[in-house]
Amino acid sequence: MGAGTNAAHADDRTPHQVAQERAMGEISDVLLNLEHTQTRAKKALAQVKKSGGHQNVELALADAIEDMARTHKRLMQDTYYAGDSLRLI
């Protein structure tokens, strides 16, 4: 398959489909960044706990990890699994 085949396929998409694909690409990027940030925060929490760090830092990191998990889940549900329904809240 050459580039011409892909270009022809892309031309068959409606402007709405192209915009939707771009929007979902943006969501994918945000989700990936959230996942990386969660991983980094978990690593930081383990390091702080291991070194006998500060309790407030541990609590803050734990809260941030939970918040990121909720945000990740909400973003997934509101975009990938929402279908064509409009979110009102």
Protein backbone atom coordinates (compact mmCIF):
# COMPACT_ATOMS: atom_id res chain seq x y z
CA MET A 1 0.00 0.00 0.00
CA GLY A 2 1.43 3.31 -1.01
CA ALA A 3 0.87 6.80 0.26
CA GLY A 4 -1.64 7.40 -2.52
CA THR A 5 -3.88 4.65 -1.17
CA ASN A 6 -3.84 6.17 2.31
CA ALA A 7 -4.51 9.64 0.91
CA ALA A 8 -7.45 8.35 -1.10
CA HIS A 9 -8.84 6.67 2.02
CA ALA A 10 -8.42 9.87 4.00
CA ASP A 11 -10.35 11.78 1.35
CA ASP A 12 -13.36 9.49 1.86
CA ARG A 13 -13.76 10.75 5.42
CA THR A 14 -16.18 13.54 6.18
CA PRO A 15 -14.89 16.71 7.84
CA HIS A 16 -16.72 15.59 10.99
CA GLN A 17 -14.87 12.25 10.95
CA VAL A 18 -11.52 13.99 10.47
CA ALA A 19 -12.25 16.38 13.34
CA GLN A 20 -13.39 13.51 15.55
CA GLU A 21 -10.21 11.53 14.81
CA ARG A 22 -8.07 14.55 15.67
CA ALA A 23 -9.99 15.10 18.91
CA MET A 24 -9.57 11.46 19.90
CA GLY A 25 -5.86 11.74 19.11
CA GLU A 26 -5.66 14.64 21.55
CA ILE A 27 -7.49 12.58 24.19
CA SER A 28 -5.07 9.72 23.59
CA ASP A 29 -2.12 12.06 24.18
CA VAL A 30 -3.65 13.37 27.42
CA LEU A 31 -4.36 9.84 28.66
CA LEU A 32 -0.81 8.78 27.89
CA ASN A 33 0.57 11.74 29.81
CA LEU A 34 -1.71 10.95 32.75
CA GLU A 35 -0.48 7.35 32.74
CA HIS A 36 3.16 8.46 32.70
CA THR A 37 2.49 10.96 35.49
CA GLN A 38 0.74 8.32 37.60
CA THR A 39 3.68 5.96 37.14
CA ARG A 40 6.11 8.70 38.13
CA ALA A 41 4.04 9.68 41.17
CA LYS A 42 3.90 6.04 42.32
CA LYS A 43 7.67 5.79 41.95
CA ALA A 44 8.11 9.00 43.92
CA LEU A 45 5.78 7.76 46.66
CA ALA A 46 7.71 4.50 46.97
CA GLN A 47 10.99 6.41 47.12
CA VAL A 48 9.69 8.81 49.79
CA LYS A 49 8.35 5.93 51.88
CA LYS A 50 11.62 4.01 51.51
CA SER A 51 13.72 6.94 52.61
CA GLY A 52 11.54 7.67 55.63
CA GLY A 53 10.27 10.80 54.02
CA HIS A 54 7.78 13.29 55.20
CA GLN A 55 4.24 12.11 55.98
CA ASN A 56 2.65 15.15 54.31
CA VAL A 57 4.54 14.39 51.09
CA GLU A 58 3.33 10.79 51.20
CA LEU A 59 -0.27 11.89 51.75
CA ALA A 60 -0.07 14.48 48.99
CA LEU A 61 1.36 11.98 46.52
CA ALA A 62 -1.22 9.35 47.46
CA ASP A 63 -4.03 11.88 46.96
CA ALA A 64 -2.56 12.97 43.63
CA ILE A 65 -2.35 9.35 42.44
CA GLU A 66 -6.01 8.78 43.35
CA ASP A 67 -7.04 12.03 41.65
CA MET A 68 -5.18 11.11 38.48
CA ALA A 69 -6.79 7.66 38.44
CA ARG A 70 -10.24 9.26 38.74
CA THR A 71 -9.42 11.80 36.04
CA HIS A 72 -8.13 9.06 33.73
CA LYS A 73 -11.28 6.99 34.26
CA ARG A 74 -13.58 9.98 33.77
CA LEU A 75 -11.81 11.04 30.59
CA MET A 76 -12.07 7.51 29.19
CA GLN A 77 -15.76 7.24 30.05
CA ASP A 78 -16.60 10.70 28.75
CA THR A 79 -14.86 10.19 25.42
CA TYR A 80 -14.16 6.62 24.30
CA TYR A 81 -17.24 5.09 25.90
CA ALA A 82 -19.67 7.99 25.64
CA GLY A 83 -20.76 7.27 22.08
CA ASP A 84 -22.80 10.08 20.60
CA SER A 85 -24.50 11.00 23.87
CA LEU A 86 -23.92 14.50 25.17
CA ARG A 87 -22.55 14.91 28.66
CA LEU A 88 -24.70 17.40 30.54
CA ILE A 89 -22.74 17.75 33.78
